[in-house]
N, C-alpha and C. Protein backbone atom coordinates (compact mmCIF):
# COMPACT_ATOMS: atom_id res chain seq x y z
N MET A 1 9.79 15.42 3.64
CA MET A 1 8.62 15.53 4.80
C MET A 1 7.71 14.69 4.68
N LYS A 2 7.40 14.11 5.80
CA LYS A 2 6.41 12.87 6.28
C LYS A 2 5.06 13.68 6.03
N LEU A 3 4.24 12.64 5.26
CA LEU A 3 2.66 12.92 4.72
C LEU A 3 2.22 13.25 6.37
N PRO A 4 1.49 14.31 6.25
CA PRO A 4 0.35 14.79 7.49
C PRO A 4 -0.98 13.74 6.95
N ARG A 5 -1.59 13.74 8.62
CA ARG A 5 -3.05 12.84 8.17
C ARG A 5 -3.56 13.35 7.30
N THR A 6 -3.88 14.99 7.04
CA THR A 6 -4.74 15.36 6.51
C THR A 6 -4.39 14.93 4.94
N PHE A 7 -3.19 14.57 4.40
CA PHE A 7 -3.39 13.88 3.08
C PHE A 7 -4.09 12.88 2.96
N TYR A 8 -3.73 11.67 4.14
CA TYR A 8 -4.93 10.82 4.25
C TYR A 8 -6.26 10.64 4.33
N ARG A 9 -6.77 11.80 4.35
CA ARG A 9 -8.43 12.36 4.70
C ARG A 9 -8.84 12.48 3.21
N GLN A 10 -8.13 12.59 2.09
CA GLN A 10 -8.95 12.99 0.87
C GLN A 10 -9.08 11.73 0.09
N PRO A 11 -10.12 11.92 -1.02
CA PRO A 11 -10.70 10.81 -1.63
C PRO A 11 -9.64 9.41 -1.87
N THR A 12 -10.07 8.64 -1.76
CA THR A 12 -8.97 7.82 -1.82
C THR A 12 -8.59 7.27 -2.97
N GLU A 13 -9.33 7.80 -4.19
CA GLU A 13 -8.67 7.62 -5.46
C GLU A 13 -7.76 8.40 -5.82
N GLU A 14 -7.86 10.00 -5.38
CA GLU A 14 -6.58 10.69 -5.03
C GLU A 14 -5.28 10.30 -4.81
N VAL A 15 -5.82 9.81 -3.45
CA VAL A 15 -4.66 9.41 -2.58
C VAL A 15 -3.66 8.13 -3.01
N ALA A 16 -4.46 7.32 -3.67
CA ALA A 16 -3.90 6.30 -4.21
C ALA A 16 -2.93 6.66 -5.80
N GLN A 17 -3.52 7.77 -6.40
CA GLN A 17 -2.80 8.65 -7.35
C GLN A 17 -1.42 9.10 -6.61
N GLN A 18 -1.73 10.20 -6.08
CA GLN A 18 -0.72 10.70 -5.26
C GLN A 18 0.27 10.09 -4.59
N LEU A 19 0.16 8.98 -3.96
CA LEU A 19 0.95 8.24 -3.47
C LEU A 19 2.40 7.94 -4.50
N LEU A 20 1.86 7.67 -5.43
CA LEU A 20 3.01 7.31 -6.45
C LEU A 20 4.16 8.47 -6.40
N GLY A 21 5.35 7.90 -6.39
CA GLY A 21 6.54 8.66 -6.28
C GLY A 21 7.11 9.12 -4.62
N LYS A 22 5.99 8.94 -4.04
CA LYS A 22 6.14 9.25 -2.58
C LYS A 22 7.25 7.84 -1.86
N PHE A 23 7.62 7.85 -0.83
CA PHE A 23 8.58 6.78 -0.14
C PHE A 23 8.17 6.48 1.01
N LEU A 24 7.63 5.03 0.86
CA LEU A 24 7.61 4.39 2.00
C LEU A 24 8.93 3.90 3.00
N ILE A 25 8.75 4.38 4.00
CA ILE A 25 9.60 3.95 5.40
C ILE A 25 9.63 3.19 6.51
N HIS A 26 10.09 2.19 6.49
CA HIS A 26 10.00 1.42 7.92
C HIS A 26 11.12 1.08 8.58
N ARG A 27 11.15 2.02 10.07
CA ARG A 27 12.35 1.64 10.73
C ARG A 27 12.54 0.50 11.40
N HIS A 28 13.01 -0.49 11.13
CA HIS A 28 12.89 -2.08 11.83
C HIS A 28 14.15 -2.25 12.20
N GLY A 29 13.99 -1.90 13.65
CA GLY A 29 15.25 -2.42 14.62
C GLY A 29 16.49 -1.39 14.19
N ALA A 30 17.78 -1.86 13.63
CA ALA A 30 18.79 -1.05 13.62
C ALA A 30 18.57 -0.45 12.01
N THR A 31 17.89 -0.97 11.31
CA THR A 31 18.10 -0.63 9.80
C THR A 31 16.54 0.06 9.67
N THR A 32 16.77 0.99 8.41
CA THR A 32 15.78 1.82 7.85
C THR A 32 15.60 1.47 6.18
N LEU A 33 14.28 0.87 6.24
CA LEU A 33 14.04 0.36 4.90
C LEU A 33 12.91 1.36 4.30
N THR A 34 13.70 1.57 2.69
CA THR A 34 12.97 2.83 2.32
C THR A 34 12.82 2.34 0.68
N GLY A 35 11.51 2.61 -0.17
CA GLY A 35 11.34 2.45 -1.23
C GLY A 35 10.25 3.61 -1.66
N ARG A 36 10.16 3.85 -2.97
CA ARG A 36 9.73 4.90 -3.77
C ARG A 36 8.42 4.03 -4.47
N ILE A 37 7.24 4.29 -4.21
CA ILE A 37 6.10 3.86 -4.54
C ILE A 37 5.83 3.81 -6.16
N VAL A 38 5.74 2.64 -6.62
CA VAL A 38 5.09 2.74 -7.99
C VAL A 38 4.24 2.12 -8.80
N GLU A 39 3.34 1.58 -7.71
CA GLU A 39 2.25 0.99 -8.23
C GLU A 39 1.23 0.93 -6.56
N THR A 40 0.03 1.14 -6.85
CA THR A 40 -0.97 1.18 -5.86
C THR A 40 -2.41 0.87 -6.06
N GLU A 41 -3.33 0.47 -5.36
CA GLU A 41 -4.87 0.21 -5.48
C GLU A 41 -5.62 0.79 -4.72
N ALA A 42 -7.06 1.52 -5.32
CA ALA A 42 -7.98 1.95 -4.23
C ALA A 42 -8.80 1.32 -4.00
N TYR A 43 -9.61 1.01 -2.91
CA TYR A 43 -10.35 0.55 -2.52
C TYR A 43 -11.44 1.75 -1.56
N LEU A 44 -12.50 1.66 -2.47
CA LEU A 44 -13.39 2.95 -2.25
C LEU A 44 -14.48 3.11 -1.03
N GLY A 45 -14.50 1.91 -0.43
CA GLY A 45 -15.64 1.72 0.82
C GLY A 45 -16.72 0.80 0.46
N PRO A 46 -17.54 0.75 1.41
CA PRO A 46 -18.44 -0.31 1.61
C PRO A 46 -19.54 -0.64 0.30
N HIS A 47 -19.38 0.24 -0.67
CA HIS A 47 -19.96 0.30 -1.80
C HIS A 47 -19.38 -0.49 -2.76
N ASP A 48 -18.18 -0.42 -2.87
CA ASP A 48 -16.89 -1.39 -3.82
C ASP A 48 -16.84 -2.63 -3.00
N LEU A 49 -17.54 -3.42 -4.27
CA LEU A 49 -17.54 -4.89 -4.07
C LEU A 49 -16.14 -5.65 -3.92
N ALA A 50 -14.98 -4.85 -4.16
CA ALA A 50 -13.80 -5.85 -4.35
C ALA A 50 -13.14 -5.03 -2.61
N CYS A 51 -13.71 -4.41 -1.91
CA CYS A 51 -13.41 -3.63 -0.77
C CYS A 51 -13.55 -4.58 0.23
N HIS A 52 -12.89 -4.85 1.28
CA HIS A 52 -12.95 -5.91 2.23
C HIS A 52 -14.46 -5.17 3.24
N ALA A 53 -14.34 -4.05 3.36
CA ALA A 53 -15.54 -3.59 4.11
C ALA A 53 -16.71 -3.47 3.63
N SER A 54 -17.13 -4.20 2.39
CA SER A 54 -18.16 -4.46 1.74
C SER A 54 -19.02 -5.59 2.45
N LYS A 55 -18.20 -6.08 3.06
CA LYS A 55 -18.92 -7.03 3.78
C LYS A 55 -19.17 -6.91 5.38
N GLY A 56 -18.99 -5.61 5.41
CA GLY A 56 -19.45 -5.10 7.01
C GLY A 56 -18.10 -5.15 7.81
N ARG A 57 -18.65 -4.69 8.68
CA ARG A 57 -17.44 -4.34 9.81
C ARG A 57 -17.35 -5.65 10.56
N THR A 58 -16.29 -5.89 10.60
CA THR A 58 -15.31 -7.29 11.12
C THR A 58 -14.14 -6.78 11.88
N LYS A 59 -13.92 -7.95 12.83
CA LYS A 59 -12.52 -7.69 13.68
C LYS A 59 -11.38 -7.39 12.37
N ARG A 60 -11.75 -8.25 11.34
CA ARG A 60 -10.53 -7.85 10.18
C ARG A 60 -10.49 -6.61 9.95
N THR A 61 -11.80 -6.07 9.59
CA THR A 61 -11.94 -4.76 8.86
C THR A 61 -11.66 -3.42 9.74
N GLU A 62 -11.90 -3.89 11.12
CA GLU A 62 -12.04 -2.96 12.25
C GLU A 62 -11.30 -1.39 11.89
N VAL A 63 -9.94 -1.95 11.61
CA VAL A 63 -8.96 -1.05 11.28
C VAL A 63 -9.31 0.28 10.20
N MET A 64 -10.11 -0.10 9.42
CA MET A 64 -10.64 0.63 8.39
C MET A 64 -11.61 1.40 8.53
N PHE A 65 -12.49 1.04 9.72
CA PHE A 65 -13.24 2.21 9.98
C PHE A 65 -12.89 3.14 10.81
N GLY A 66 -11.70 3.12 11.19
CA GLY A 66 -11.02 4.11 12.03
C GLY A 66 -10.47 5.30 11.21
N PRO A 67 -9.78 6.29 11.85
CA PRO A 67 -9.38 7.45 11.45
C PRO A 67 -8.29 7.23 10.61
N ALA A 68 -8.15 8.15 9.34
CA ALA A 68 -6.92 8.10 7.91
C ALA A 68 -5.80 7.91 8.72
N GLY A 69 -4.99 7.45 7.99
CA GLY A 69 -3.24 7.49 8.08
C GLY A 69 -3.00 6.53 9.08
N HIS A 70 -3.76 5.38 9.05
CA HIS A 70 -3.40 4.13 9.88
C HIS A 70 -2.97 2.92 8.61
N ALA A 71 -2.19 2.06 9.26
CA ALA A 71 -1.97 0.68 8.38
C ALA A 71 -3.09 -0.15 8.61
N TYR A 72 -3.54 -0.79 7.28
CA TYR A 72 -4.47 -1.88 7.63
C TYR A 72 -3.49 -3.19 6.92
N VAL A 73 -2.90 -3.67 7.92
CA VAL A 73 -2.47 -5.00 7.30
C VAL A 73 -3.29 -6.44 7.67
N TYR A 74 -2.98 -7.10 6.26
CA TYR A 74 -4.04 -8.55 6.28
C TYR A 74 -3.21 -9.35 5.76
N PHE A 75 -3.56 -10.35 6.05
CA PHE A 75 -3.05 -11.56 6.04
C PHE A 75 -3.81 -12.40 4.94
N ILE A 76 -3.20 -13.14 3.42
CA ILE A 76 -4.07 -13.53 2.61
C ILE A 76 -3.05 -15.10 2.15
N TYR A 77 -3.60 -15.67 1.65
CA TYR A 77 -3.38 -16.85 0.97
C TYR A 77 -2.31 -17.56 1.96
N GLY A 78 -2.78 -17.51 3.31
CA GLY A 78 -1.63 -18.45 4.22
C GLY A 78 -0.23 -18.20 4.24
N PHE A 79 -0.05 -16.86 3.52
CA PHE A 79 1.49 -16.76 3.42
C PHE A 79 2.03 -15.29 3.16
N TYR A 80 1.08 -14.47 2.61
CA TYR A 80 1.55 -13.20 2.78
C TYR A 80 0.42 -12.07 3.25
N ASN A 81 1.61 -11.10 3.85
CA ASN A 81 0.81 -9.65 4.51
C ASN A 81 0.79 -8.81 3.19
N MET A 82 -0.34 -7.76 3.44
CA MET A 82 -0.93 -6.94 2.54
C MET A 82 -0.85 -5.48 3.07
N LEU A 83 -0.09 -4.54 2.77
CA LEU A 83 -0.24 -3.31 3.45
C LEU A 83 -1.21 -2.20 2.74
N ASN A 84 -2.29 -1.67 3.80
CA ASN A 84 -2.97 -0.93 2.96
C ASN A 84 -3.02 0.22 3.96
N LEU A 85 -3.29 1.83 3.41
CA LEU A 85 -3.30 2.87 3.99
C LEU A 85 -4.74 3.19 4.04
N VAL A 86 -5.41 3.46 5.54
CA VAL A 86 -6.74 3.86 5.51
C VAL A 86 -6.81 5.49 5.21
N THR A 87 -7.81 5.58 4.36
CA THR A 87 -8.18 7.31 3.91
C THR A 87 -9.26 7.65 4.33
N GLU A 88 -9.62 8.92 4.06
CA GLU A 88 -11.25 9.44 4.00
C GLU A 88 -11.35 9.71 5.55
N ALA A 89 -12.84 9.74 5.69
CA ALA A 89 -13.16 10.16 7.23
C ALA A 89 -13.33 8.76 8.10
N LYS A 90 -13.42 9.22 9.36
CA LYS A 90 -13.66 7.98 10.14
C LYS A 90 -15.10 7.34 10.10
N ASP A 91 -15.36 6.07 10.11
CA ASP A 91 -16.33 5.22 9.68
C ASP A 91 -16.70 4.92 8.51
N PHE A 92 -15.89 5.73 7.57
CA PHE A 92 -16.07 5.15 6.28
C PHE A 92 -14.59 4.50 5.73
N PRO A 93 -15.10 3.24 5.52
CA PRO A 93 -13.79 2.12 5.36
C PRO A 93 -13.43 2.15 3.99
N ALA A 94 -12.15 2.87 3.80
CA ALA A 94 -12.11 3.02 2.43
C ALA A 94 -10.06 3.17 2.86
N ALA A 95 -9.43 2.33 1.66
CA ALA A 95 -8.12 2.10 2.01
C ALA A 95 -7.40 2.42 0.47
N VAL A 96 -6.37 2.49 0.62
CA VAL A 96 -4.85 2.16 -0.65
C VAL A 96 -4.21 1.05 -0.60
N LEU A 97 -3.88 0.32 -1.15
CA LEU A 97 -3.23 -1.19 -1.13
C LEU A 97 -1.91 -0.33 -1.91
N ILE A 98 -0.62 -0.72 -1.21
CA ILE A 98 0.29 -0.45 -1.81
C ILE A 98 1.16 -1.85 -2.25
N ARG A 99 0.91 -1.50 -3.69
CA ARG A 99 1.32 -3.08 -4.41
C ARG A 99 2.62 -3.05 -4.78
N ALA A 100 3.59 -2.23 -4.91
CA ALA A 100 5.06 -2.29 -5.31
C ALA A 100 5.75 -0.91 -5.01
N VAL A 101 6.86 -1.10 -4.67
CA VAL A 101 7.94 0.07 -4.70
C VAL A 101 9.46 -0.52 -5.25
N GLU A 102 10.01 0.66 -5.55
CA GLU A 102 11.29 0.52 -5.94
C GLU A 102 12.45 0.60 -4.90
N PRO A 103 12.89 -0.29 -4.53
CA PRO A 103 13.90 -0.26 -3.16
C PRO A 103 15.16 1.02 -3.56
N VAL A 104 15.20 1.67 -2.34
CA VAL A 104 16.04 2.80 -2.21
C VAL A 104 17.40 2.55 -1.14
N ARG A 105 16.80 2.06 -0.28
CA ARG A 105 17.64 2.10 1.12
C ARG A 105 17.23 0.89 2.03
N GLY A 106 18.05 0.16 2.41
CA GLY A 106 18.08 -1.00 3.27
C GLY A 106 18.22 -2.09 2.24
N ILE A 107 18.93 -2.07 1.02
CA ILE A 107 18.26 -3.12 -0.15
C ILE A 107 19.17 -4.35 0.72
N GLU A 108 20.33 -4.49 1.26
CA GLU A 108 20.73 -5.53 1.30
C GLU A 108 20.03 -6.18 2.46
N ARG A 109 19.04 -5.87 3.27
CA ARG A 109 18.28 -6.21 4.34
C ARG A 109 16.78 -6.81 3.62
N MET A 110 16.69 -5.94 2.68
CA MET A 110 15.54 -6.66 1.95
C MET A 110 15.78 -7.64 1.18
N LYS A 111 17.01 -7.84 0.84
CA LYS A 111 17.45 -9.29 -0.01
C LYS A 111 17.33 -10.24 1.01
N GLN A 112 17.95 -10.06 2.11
CA GLN A 112 17.83 -11.02 3.02
C GLN A 112 16.56 -11.58 3.45
N ASN A 113 15.62 -10.47 3.71
CA ASN A 113 14.21 -10.57 3.97
C ASN A 113 13.24 -11.55 3.05
N ARG A 114 13.69 -11.36 1.87
CA ARG A 114 12.98 -12.04 0.70
C ARG A 114 13.89 -13.31 0.03
N LYS A 115 15.19 -13.50 0.74
CA LYS A 115 16.18 -14.50 0.00
C LYS A 115 16.07 -14.33 -1.21
N SER A 116 16.55 -13.11 -1.80
CA SER A 116 16.61 -12.97 -3.39
C SER A 116 17.68 -11.97 -3.37
N ASP A 117 18.44 -12.13 -4.69
CA ASP A 117 19.57 -11.02 -4.88
C ASP A 117 18.65 -10.49 -6.12
N LEU A 118 17.79 -10.35 -6.70
CA LEU A 118 16.88 -9.67 -7.71
C LEU A 118 16.51 -8.65 -7.23
N LEU A 119 17.13 -7.52 -7.77
CA LEU A 119 16.79 -6.08 -7.42
C LEU A 119 15.07 -5.95 -7.65
N HIS A 120 14.86 -5.91 -8.98
CA HIS A 120 13.48 -5.55 -9.83
C HIS A 120 12.42 -6.33 -8.96
N ASN A 121 12.46 -7.59 -8.39
CA ASN A 121 11.78 -8.46 -7.97
C ASN A 121 11.43 -8.58 -6.29
N LEU A 122 12.43 -7.51 -5.53
CA LEU A 122 12.10 -7.79 -4.06
C LEU A 122 10.97 -7.12 -3.68
N ALA A 123 10.67 -6.09 -4.05
CA ALA A 123 9.05 -5.73 -3.57
C ALA A 123 8.14 -5.29 -5.10
N SER A 124 7.93 -5.97 -6.08
CA SER A 124 7.30 -6.21 -6.96
C SER A 124 5.94 -6.73 -6.85
N GLY A 125 5.40 -6.38 -6.06
CA GLY A 125 4.05 -7.24 -5.63
C GLY A 125 3.66 -6.93 -4.08
N PRO A 126 2.53 -6.81 -3.70
CA PRO A 126 2.20 -6.58 -2.38
C PRO A 126 2.42 -7.59 -1.28
N GLY A 127 2.73 -8.81 -1.67
CA GLY A 127 3.11 -9.67 -0.73
C GLY A 127 4.52 -9.60 -0.59
N LYS A 128 5.62 -9.58 -1.59
CA LYS A 128 6.63 -9.24 -1.84
C LYS A 128 7.25 -8.13 -0.90
N LEU A 129 6.55 -6.76 -0.98
CA LEU A 129 6.96 -5.85 -0.71
C LEU A 129 6.97 -5.98 0.78
N CYS A 130 5.83 -6.55 1.52
CA CYS A 130 5.59 -6.74 2.85
C CYS A 130 6.82 -7.45 3.69
N GLN A 131 7.32 -8.54 2.76
CA GLN A 131 8.61 -9.60 3.14
C GLN A 131 9.85 -8.78 3.06
N ALA A 132 9.89 -8.09 1.71
CA ALA A 132 11.21 -7.20 1.64
C ALA A 132 11.02 -6.08 3.00
N PHE A 133 10.00 -5.75 3.42
CA PHE A 133 9.83 -4.41 4.13
C PHE A 133 9.88 -4.91 5.93
N ALA A 134 9.71 -6.50 6.02
CA ALA A 134 9.41 -6.75 7.10
C ALA A 134 7.96 -6.13 7.90
N ILE A 135 7.02 -6.30 6.99
CA ILE A 135 5.58 -5.55 7.65
C ILE A 135 4.66 -6.99 7.58
N ASP A 136 4.52 -6.96 9.12
CA ASP A 136 3.48 -8.21 9.18
C ASP A 136 2.24 -7.60 9.99
N ARG A 137 1.45 -8.52 10.41
CA ARG A 137 0.44 -8.31 11.17
C ARG A 137 0.26 -7.37 12.60
N SER A 138 1.56 -7.35 13.10
CA SER A 138 1.92 -6.70 14.30
C SER A 138 1.87 -5.03 13.82
N LEU A 139 2.12 -4.58 12.72
CA LEU A 139 2.01 -3.31 12.31
C LEU A 139 0.18 -3.09 11.76
N ASN A 140 -0.61 -3.99 12.01
CA ASN A 140 -2.20 -3.69 11.53
C ASN A 140 -2.44 -2.34 12.76
N GLY A 141 -3.04 -1.46 12.14
CA GLY A 141 -3.29 -0.14 13.05
C GLY A 141 -2.30 0.63 13.27
N ALA A 142 -0.94 0.40 12.80
CA ALA A 142 0.02 1.38 13.28
C ALA A 142 -0.38 2.67 12.56
N ASP A 143 -0.03 3.99 13.07
CA ASP A 143 -0.24 5.07 12.75
C ASP A 143 0.77 5.74 11.75
N VAL A 144 0.47 5.65 10.66
CA VAL A 144 1.59 6.04 9.52
C VAL A 144 2.08 7.33 9.45
N CYS A 145 1.77 8.12 10.49
CA CYS A 145 2.24 9.81 10.74
C CYS A 145 3.03 9.68 11.71
N ALA A 146 3.35 8.44 12.53
CA ALA A 146 4.18 8.49 13.31
C ALA A 146 5.44 8.22 13.15
N LYS A 147 6.56 7.52 13.56
CA LYS A 147 8.09 7.29 13.75
C LYS A 147 8.55 5.70 12.96
N VAL A 148 7.69 4.91 13.62
CA VAL A 148 8.09 3.55 12.86
C VAL A 148 8.05 3.23 11.38
N LEU A 149 6.40 3.45 10.79
CA LEU A 149 6.09 2.90 9.50
C LEU A 149 5.42 4.26 9.05
N TYR A 150 5.87 5.22 7.79
CA TYR A 150 5.49 6.17 7.58
C TYR A 150 5.71 6.55 5.87
N LEU A 151 5.14 7.66 5.45
CA LEU A 151 5.66 7.75 4.11
C LEU A 151 6.05 9.37 4.01
N GLU A 152 6.99 9.53 3.01
CA GLU A 152 7.12 10.89 2.82
C GLU A 152 7.33 11.24 1.44
N ASP A 153 7.18 12.86 1.42
CA ASP A 153 6.95 13.44 0.09
C ASP A 153 8.55 13.90 0.15
N ARG A 154 9.39 13.74 -0.97
CA ARG A 154 10.69 14.19 -1.06
C ARG A 154 10.80 15.19 -2.34
N GLY A 155 9.52 16.03 -2.35
CA GLY A 155 9.36 17.13 -3.55
C GLY A 155 9.49 16.41 -5.02
N GLU A 156 9.72 15.21 -5.03
CA GLU A 156 9.50 14.80 -6.83
C GLU A 156 8.24 14.95 -7.42
N PRO A 157 8.29 15.52 -8.26
CA PRO A 157 7.28 15.67 -9.24
C PRO A 157 6.22 14.27 -9.10
N LEU A 158 4.92 14.60 -9.43
CA LEU A 158 4.23 13.09 -9.71
C LEU A 158 4.59 12.53 -11.43
N PRO A 159 4.83 11.46 -10.72
CA PRO A 159 5.29 10.82 -12.13
C PRO A 159 4.38 10.17 -13.30
N ARG A 160 4.48 10.20 -14.50
CA ARG A 160 3.70 9.83 -15.29
C ARG A 160 3.18 8.19 -14.80
N PHE A 161 1.56 8.02 -15.03
CA PHE A 161 1.35 6.99 -14.57
C PHE A 161 0.31 6.41 -15.43
N ALA A 162 -0.26 5.40 -15.39
CA ALA A 162 -1.59 4.56 -15.95
C ALA A 162 -2.55 3.88 -15.25
N ALA A 163 -3.65 3.92 -15.44
CA ALA A 163 -4.62 3.34 -14.60
C ALA A 163 -5.15 2.05 -15.23
N THR A 164 -5.40 1.06 -14.46
CA THR A 164 -5.78 -0.17 -14.89
C THR A 164 -6.78 -0.81 -14.13
N PRO A 165 -7.53 -2.01 -14.59
CA PRO A 165 -8.13 -2.69 -13.47
C PRO A 165 -7.31 -3.28 -12.47
N ARG A 166 -8.15 -3.30 -11.42
CA ARG A 166 -7.56 -3.78 -10.07
C ARG A 166 -6.98 -5.30 -10.50
N ILE A 167 -6.22 -5.93 -9.62
CA ILE A 167 -5.83 -7.39 -9.63
C ILE A 167 -6.26 -8.28 -8.69
N GLY A 168 -6.82 -9.55 -9.10
CA GLY A 168 -7.40 -10.34 -8.40
C GLY A 168 -8.64 -10.07 -7.64
N VAL A 169 -9.64 -9.38 -8.31
CA VAL A 169 -10.67 -8.94 -7.52
C VAL A 169 -11.87 -9.30 -8.25
N ASP A 170 -11.74 -10.42 -9.24
CA ASP A 170 -12.84 -11.27 -10.12
C ASP A 170 -14.18 -11.25 -9.48
N TYR A 171 -14.25 -11.67 -8.26
CA TYR A 171 -15.37 -11.83 -7.42
C TYR A 171 -16.10 -10.53 -7.53
N ALA A 172 -15.69 -9.31 -7.82
CA ALA A 172 -16.08 -8.17 -7.05
C ALA A 172 -17.22 -7.60 -8.46
N GLY A 173 -18.08 -8.41 -9.11
CA GLY A 173 -18.84 -7.83 -10.05
C GLY A 173 -18.61 -6.87 -11.14
N LYS A 174 -19.00 -5.63 -11.10
CA LYS A 174 -18.69 -4.52 -12.18
C LYS A 174 -17.58 -3.88 -11.50
N TRP A 175 -17.28 -4.02 -10.51
CA TRP A 175 -16.08 -3.47 -9.59
C TRP A 175 -14.55 -4.06 -10.13
N LYS A 176 -14.71 -4.83 -10.79
CA LYS A 176 -13.43 -5.77 -11.35
C LYS A 176 -13.02 -4.89 -12.06
N ASP A 177 -13.91 -4.21 -13.15
CA ASP A 177 -12.98 -3.70 -14.25
C ASP A 177 -12.72 -1.96 -14.24
N LYS A 178 -13.34 -1.70 -12.92
CA LYS A 178 -12.73 -0.15 -12.67
C LYS A 178 -11.48 0.15 -12.76
N PRO A 179 -11.09 1.04 -13.29
CA PRO A 179 -9.49 1.38 -13.51
C PRO A 179 -9.03 2.02 -12.03
N LEU A 180 -8.81 1.30 -10.83
CA LEU A 180 -8.53 1.51 -9.89
C LEU A 180 -7.07 1.21 -9.43
N ARG A 181 -6.69 0.73 -10.23
CA ARG A 181 -4.71 0.31 -9.81
C ARG A 181 -4.24 1.42 -10.86
N PHE A 182 -2.93 2.17 -10.06
CA PHE A 182 -2.18 2.88 -10.53
C PHE A 182 -0.82 2.59 -10.66
N VAL A 183 -0.17 2.77 -11.85
CA VAL A 183 1.28 2.32 -11.90
C VAL A 183 2.27 3.21 -12.65
N VAL A 184 3.32 3.73 -12.17
CA VAL A 184 4.11 4.38 -12.79
C VAL A 184 4.71 3.67 -14.02
N ARG A 185 4.59 4.81 -15.11
CA ARG A 185 4.92 4.19 -16.42
C ARG A 185 6.30 3.82 -16.60
N ASP A 186 6.22 2.33 -17.17
CA ASP A 186 8.32 2.38 -17.76
C ASP A 186 8.62 1.91 -16.51
N SER A 187 8.11 1.99 -14.98
CA SER A 187 8.92 1.38 -14.26
C SER A 187 8.93 -0.12 -14.23
N LYS A 188 10.05 -0.96 -13.83
CA LYS A 188 10.29 -2.39 -13.86
C LYS A 188 9.93 -2.84 -12.57
N PHE A 189 9.84 -2.08 -11.43
CA PHE A 189 9.36 -2.31 -10.36
C PHE A 189 7.77 -2.66 -10.22
N VAL A 190 6.91 -2.82 -11.09
CA VAL A 190 5.76 -2.77 -10.86
C VAL A 190 5.42 -4.46 -10.74
N SER A 191 4.57 -4.71 -10.16
CA SER A 191 3.65 -6.35 -10.36
C SER A 191 3.73 -6.88 -11.66
N LYS A 192 4.03 -8.03 -11.59
CA LYS A 192 4.14 -8.33 -13.28
C LYS A 192 2.48 -9.36 -13.26
N ARG A 193 1.63 -9.05 -12.28
CA ARG A 193 0.28 -9.46 -12.90
C ARG A 193 -0.64 -8.84 -11.98
């Protein structure tokens, strides 16, 4: 079942946890790319100094101020795209970063996209995930309740997971140590840093 918009309107931390074990799907041309989400990070709004919206409303962050259930895709380090899902209420900029998935369908295309044959390394980090799934800035603002890029609940129970500090947000003061990164325990597909 495709996740409805009401799912994304929940508190961001809850969405980040509940996304574990759900399936990310990108219909890309004639190929359907699918992966089981194994790692997420929550960004809780303008008061969260690790959240892009903490610096205010900008052209880059405009999507975050929109309705829940849309993709916020941004470019980082001059090389990687990062996929986030907008959560909560309109004008409250919060989102969940999808950090890693376990590839399920379209694996050969993912290998081509990543130029790698290592299954455990195809989507084990947010930049790798976007490369494998052919997600780029053209999907910024995409409705994830529509037909191209979306998420499904396939009835699997919520997996056992751990909460850890987020990665790469040393600039965020006390917010850098908040346990807002969620990883499926014992998954070999989570990011290594």
